[in-house]
Amino acid sequence: MDPDDTLILLFMCCHPALSPSSAIGLTLRAVGGLTTAEIANAFLVPEATMAQRITRAKQPLRLLAYHSDSLLRTSGLDDCPQFCTCSI
């Protein structure tokens, strides 16, 4: 992953639409590379709960990435890097 992609991903994981616990869990998973089980242990919750929390946190980010992509196209900035090009 390109350092610029990592920075974009980090900022997206900290989006204000996410609850603090979802943002932290998603950041640890997507940027930090921790497993869902490791994050669940840190939060003292079942792994299934953390998996669901991370899944729910991704949903508004997909919408944000879609809108950011269309904004770049309409503004004539087609050569700018795309948001969230990596899979999370």
N, C-alpha and C. Protein backbone atom coordinates (compact mmCIF):
# COMPACT_ATOMS: atom_id res chain seq x y z
N MET A 1 0.85 -1.18 0.00
CA MET A 1 0.00 0.00 0.00
C MET A 1 0.89 1.24 0.00
N ASP A 2 0.56 2.14 -0.84
CA ASP A 2 1.25 3.42 -0.97
C ASP A 2 1.04 4.25 0.31
N PRO A 3 2.08 4.98 0.78
CA PRO A 3 1.90 5.81 1.97
C PRO A 3 0.76 6.81 1.85
N ASP A 4 0.53 7.35 0.65
CA ASP A 4 -0.59 8.26 0.46
C ASP A 4 -1.93 7.55 0.65
N ASP A 5 -2.03 6.30 0.17
CA ASP A 5 -3.25 5.51 0.37
C ASP A 5 -3.49 5.26 1.85
N THR A 6 -2.41 5.00 2.58
CA THR A 6 -2.54 4.76 4.01
C THR A 6 -3.05 6.00 4.72
N LEU A 7 -2.55 7.15 4.34
CA LEU A 7 -2.98 8.40 4.95
C LEU A 7 -4.45 8.68 4.63
N ILE A 8 -4.85 8.48 3.39
CA ILE A 8 -6.25 8.67 3.00
C ILE A 8 -7.14 7.72 3.78
N LEU A 9 -6.72 6.46 3.87
CA LEU A 9 -7.48 5.46 4.61
C LEU A 9 -7.60 5.84 6.08
N LEU A 10 -6.53 6.34 6.65
CA LEU A 10 -6.54 6.77 8.05
C LEU A 10 -7.54 7.90 8.26
N PHE A 11 -7.53 8.89 7.38
CA PHE A 11 -8.48 9.99 7.51
C PHE A 11 -9.92 9.51 7.33
N MET A 12 -10.14 8.59 6.40
CA MET A 12 -11.49 8.07 6.21
C MET A 12 -11.96 7.29 7.42
N CYS A 13 -11.06 6.57 8.06
CA CYS A 13 -11.43 5.80 9.25
C CYS A 13 -11.79 6.70 10.43
N CYS A 14 -11.34 7.93 10.39
CA CYS A 14 -11.62 8.88 11.47
C CYS A 14 -12.74 9.85 11.10
N HIS A 15 -13.53 9.49 10.11
CA HIS A 15 -14.61 10.36 9.65
C HIS A 15 -15.62 10.59 10.78
N PRO A 16 -16.14 11.80 10.92
CA PRO A 16 -17.08 12.10 12.01
C PRO A 16 -18.38 11.33 11.96
N ALA A 17 -18.71 10.70 10.83
CA ALA A 17 -19.94 9.90 10.74
C ALA A 17 -19.82 8.61 11.55
N LEU A 18 -18.60 8.23 11.91
CA LEU A 18 -18.37 6.99 12.65
C LEU A 18 -18.33 7.25 14.15
N SER A 19 -18.85 6.30 14.91
CA SER A 19 -18.73 6.41 16.37
C SER A 19 -17.26 6.21 16.73
N PRO A 20 -16.83 6.72 17.88
CA PRO A 20 -15.42 6.55 18.25
C PRO A 20 -14.98 5.08 18.30
N SER A 21 -15.80 4.21 18.87
CA SER A 21 -15.38 2.81 18.96
C SER A 21 -15.31 2.16 17.57
N SER A 22 -16.22 2.52 16.69
CA SER A 22 -16.17 1.98 15.32
C SER A 22 -14.96 2.51 14.57
N ALA A 23 -14.69 3.81 14.73
CA ALA A 23 -13.54 4.41 14.05
C ALA A 23 -12.23 3.77 14.52
N ILE A 24 -12.12 3.56 15.81
CA ILE A 24 -10.89 2.95 16.35
C ILE A 24 -10.75 1.52 15.86
N GLY A 25 -11.84 0.75 15.94
CA GLY A 25 -11.80 -0.64 15.48
C GLY A 25 -11.45 -0.75 14.01
N LEU A 26 -12.08 0.08 13.19
CA LEU A 26 -11.81 0.06 11.76
C LEU A 26 -10.37 0.49 11.46
N THR A 27 -9.88 1.49 12.16
CA THR A 27 -8.51 1.95 11.96
C THR A 27 -7.51 0.86 12.33
N LEU A 28 -7.74 0.19 13.45
CA LEU A 28 -6.84 -0.89 13.85
C LEU A 28 -6.84 -2.02 12.83
N ARG A 29 -8.00 -2.28 12.25
CA ARG A 29 -8.13 -3.36 11.27
C ARG A 29 -7.53 -2.96 9.92
N ALA A 30 -7.94 -1.80 9.40
CA ALA A 30 -7.56 -1.40 8.04
C ALA A 30 -6.15 -0.85 7.95
N VAL A 31 -5.77 -0.03 8.91
CA VAL A 31 -4.46 0.62 8.85
C VAL A 31 -3.43 -0.14 9.68
N GLY A 32 -3.85 -0.60 10.86
CA GLY A 32 -2.93 -1.27 11.76
C GLY A 32 -2.68 -2.73 11.44
N GLY A 33 -3.60 -3.35 10.68
CA GLY A 33 -3.42 -4.73 10.28
C GLY A 33 -3.74 -5.76 11.34
N LEU A 34 -4.37 -5.34 12.44
CA LEU A 34 -4.73 -6.29 13.48
C LEU A 34 -5.90 -7.14 13.01
N THR A 35 -6.01 -8.33 13.56
CA THR A 35 -7.14 -9.19 13.23
C THR A 35 -8.36 -8.74 14.02
N THR A 36 -9.50 -9.16 13.57
CA THR A 36 -10.74 -8.83 14.28
C THR A 36 -10.72 -9.41 15.68
N ALA A 37 -10.17 -10.60 15.84
CA ALA A 37 -10.08 -11.23 17.16
C ALA A 37 -9.20 -10.41 18.10
N GLU A 38 -8.08 -9.90 17.60
CA GLU A 38 -7.19 -9.08 18.44
C GLU A 38 -7.88 -7.79 18.88
N ILE A 39 -8.62 -7.18 17.96
CA ILE A 39 -9.32 -5.94 18.30
C ILE A 39 -10.44 -6.22 19.30
N ALA A 40 -11.17 -7.31 19.09
CA ALA A 40 -12.24 -7.68 20.02
C ALA A 40 -11.68 -7.92 21.42
N ASN A 41 -10.55 -8.58 21.51
CA ASN A 41 -9.92 -8.80 22.82
C ASN A 41 -9.55 -7.49 23.49
N ALA A 42 -9.07 -6.54 22.72
CA ALA A 42 -8.70 -5.23 23.29
C ALA A 42 -9.93 -4.47 23.78
N PHE A 43 -11.05 -4.62 23.08
CA PHE A 43 -12.29 -3.94 23.46
C PHE A 43 -13.11 -4.74 24.47
N LEU A 44 -12.66 -5.96 24.77
CA LEU A 44 -13.36 -6.86 25.69
C LEU A 44 -14.79 -7.15 25.22
N VAL A 45 -14.93 -7.41 23.93
CA VAL A 45 -16.22 -7.78 23.35
C VAL A 45 -16.03 -9.06 22.54
N PRO A 46 -17.12 -9.78 22.27
CA PRO A 46 -17.00 -10.98 21.43
C PRO A 46 -16.53 -10.61 20.02
N GLU A 47 -15.85 -11.54 19.39
CA GLU A 47 -15.32 -11.30 18.05
C GLU A 47 -16.44 -10.98 17.06
N ALA A 48 -17.58 -11.65 17.18
CA ALA A 48 -18.71 -11.39 16.27
C ALA A 48 -19.22 -9.96 16.41
N THR A 49 -19.21 -9.44 17.62
CA THR A 49 -19.64 -8.06 17.86
C THR A 49 -18.71 -7.09 17.16
N MET A 50 -17.41 -7.32 17.30
CA MET A 50 -16.44 -6.42 16.67
C MET A 50 -16.50 -6.54 15.16
N ALA A 51 -16.69 -7.74 14.64
CA ALA A 51 -16.80 -7.93 13.19
C ALA A 51 -17.99 -7.14 12.65
N GLN A 52 -19.10 -7.19 13.36
CA GLN A 52 -20.29 -6.44 12.93
C GLN A 52 -20.05 -4.94 13.02
N ARG A 53 -19.37 -4.50 14.07
CA ARG A 53 -19.06 -3.08 14.24
C ARG A 53 -18.19 -2.57 13.09
N ILE A 54 -17.19 -3.35 12.71
CA ILE A 54 -16.29 -2.96 11.62
C ILE A 54 -17.05 -2.95 10.30
N THR A 55 -17.90 -3.94 10.08
CA THR A 55 -18.71 -4.00 8.86
C THR A 55 -19.62 -2.78 8.75
N ARG A 56 -20.27 -2.44 9.85
CA ARG A 56 -21.16 -1.27 9.85
C ARG A 56 -20.38 0.03 9.64
N ALA A 57 -19.17 0.09 10.12
CA ALA A 57 -18.35 1.29 9.97
C ALA A 57 -17.94 1.50 8.51
N LYS A 58 -17.80 0.43 7.75
CA LYS A 58 -17.40 0.54 6.35
C LYS A 58 -18.50 1.14 5.47
N GLN A 59 -19.76 0.94 5.85
CA GLN A 59 -20.87 1.36 4.99
C GLN A 59 -20.87 2.85 4.68
N PRO A 60 -20.79 3.76 5.66
CA PRO A 60 -20.77 5.18 5.29
C PRO A 60 -19.51 5.57 4.53
N LEU A 61 -18.42 4.84 4.74
CA LEU A 61 -17.19 5.16 4.02
C LEU A 61 -17.29 4.80 2.55
N ARG A 62 -18.01 3.74 2.23
CA ARG A 62 -18.22 3.40 0.82
C ARG A 62 -18.99 4.51 0.13
N LEU A 63 -20.00 5.04 0.80
CA LEU A 63 -20.78 6.15 0.24
C LEU A 63 -19.90 7.38 0.08
N LEU A 64 -19.08 7.65 1.08
CA LEU A 64 -18.16 8.79 1.02
C LEU A 64 -17.18 8.62 -0.14
N ALA A 65 -16.66 7.43 -0.33
CA ALA A 65 -15.71 7.17 -1.42
C ALA A 65 -16.40 7.37 -2.76
N TYR A 66 -17.65 6.94 -2.88
CA TYR A 66 -18.39 7.12 -4.13
C TYR A 66 -18.57 8.60 -4.43
N HIS A 67 -18.99 9.37 -3.44
CA HIS A 67 -19.21 10.80 -3.66
C HIS A 67 -17.90 11.53 -3.93
N SER A 68 -16.83 11.14 -3.27
CA SER A 68 -15.53 11.76 -3.51
C SER A 68 -15.06 11.48 -4.92
N ASP A 69 -15.30 10.27 -5.41
CA ASP A 69 -14.91 9.90 -6.76
C ASP A 69 -15.68 10.75 -7.77
N SER A 70 -16.98 10.90 -7.61
CA SER A 70 -17.75 11.70 -8.56
C SER A 70 -17.38 13.17 -8.46
N LEU A 71 -17.04 13.65 -7.28
CA LEU A 71 -16.61 15.03 -7.11
C LEU A 71 -15.31 15.28 -7.86
N LEU A 72 -14.38 14.35 -7.79
CA LEU A 72 -13.11 14.49 -8.51
C LEU A 72 -13.34 14.52 -10.02
N ARG A 73 -14.23 13.66 -10.51
CA ARG A 73 -14.49 13.62 -11.95
C ARG A 73 -15.13 14.92 -12.42
N THR A 74 -16.09 15.45 -11.67
CA THR A 74 -16.79 16.66 -12.11
C THR A 74 -15.94 17.91 -11.94
N SER A 75 -14.94 17.86 -11.08
CA SER A 75 -14.10 19.03 -10.88
C SER A 75 -12.91 19.06 -11.83
N GLY A 76 -12.78 18.04 -12.67
CA GLY A 76 -11.69 18.01 -13.63
C GLY A 76 -10.39 17.52 -13.03
N LEU A 77 -10.46 16.86 -11.90
CA LEU A 77 -9.25 16.37 -11.24
C LEU A 77 -9.12 14.86 -11.43
N ASP A 78 -9.31 14.40 -12.66
CA ASP A 78 -9.30 12.97 -12.94
C ASP A 78 -7.98 12.29 -12.60
N ASP A 79 -6.89 13.03 -12.61
CA ASP A 79 -5.59 12.40 -12.36
C ASP A 79 -5.28 12.32 -10.86
N CYS A 80 -6.15 12.81 -9.99
CA CYS A 80 -5.92 12.71 -8.54
C CYS A 80 -6.12 11.27 -8.11
N PRO A 81 -5.43 10.84 -7.04
CA PRO A 81 -5.61 9.46 -6.57
C PRO A 81 -7.04 9.25 -6.09
N GLN A 82 -7.55 8.07 -6.34
CA GLN A 82 -8.92 7.74 -5.92
C GLN A 82 -8.95 7.47 -4.42
N PHE A 83 -10.07 7.76 -3.81
CA PHE A 83 -10.23 7.49 -2.40
C PHE A 83 -10.51 6.01 -2.19
N CYS A 84 -9.91 5.48 -1.17
CA CYS A 84 -10.15 4.11 -0.73
C CYS A 84 -9.96 3.11 -1.86
N THR A 85 -8.81 3.17 -2.52
CA THR A 85 -8.54 2.23 -3.60
C THR A 85 -8.13 0.86 -3.08
N CYS A 86 -7.80 0.79 -1.81
CA CYS A 86 -7.43 -0.49 -1.24
C CYS A 86 -8.67 -1.14 -0.64
N SER A 87 -8.63 -2.44 -0.49
CA SER A 87 -9.79 -3.11 0.10
C SER A 87 -9.64 -3.15 1.60
N ILE A 88 -10.75 -2.87 2.28
CA ILE A 88 -10.74 -2.92 3.74
C ILE A 88 -11.73 -3.93 4.22
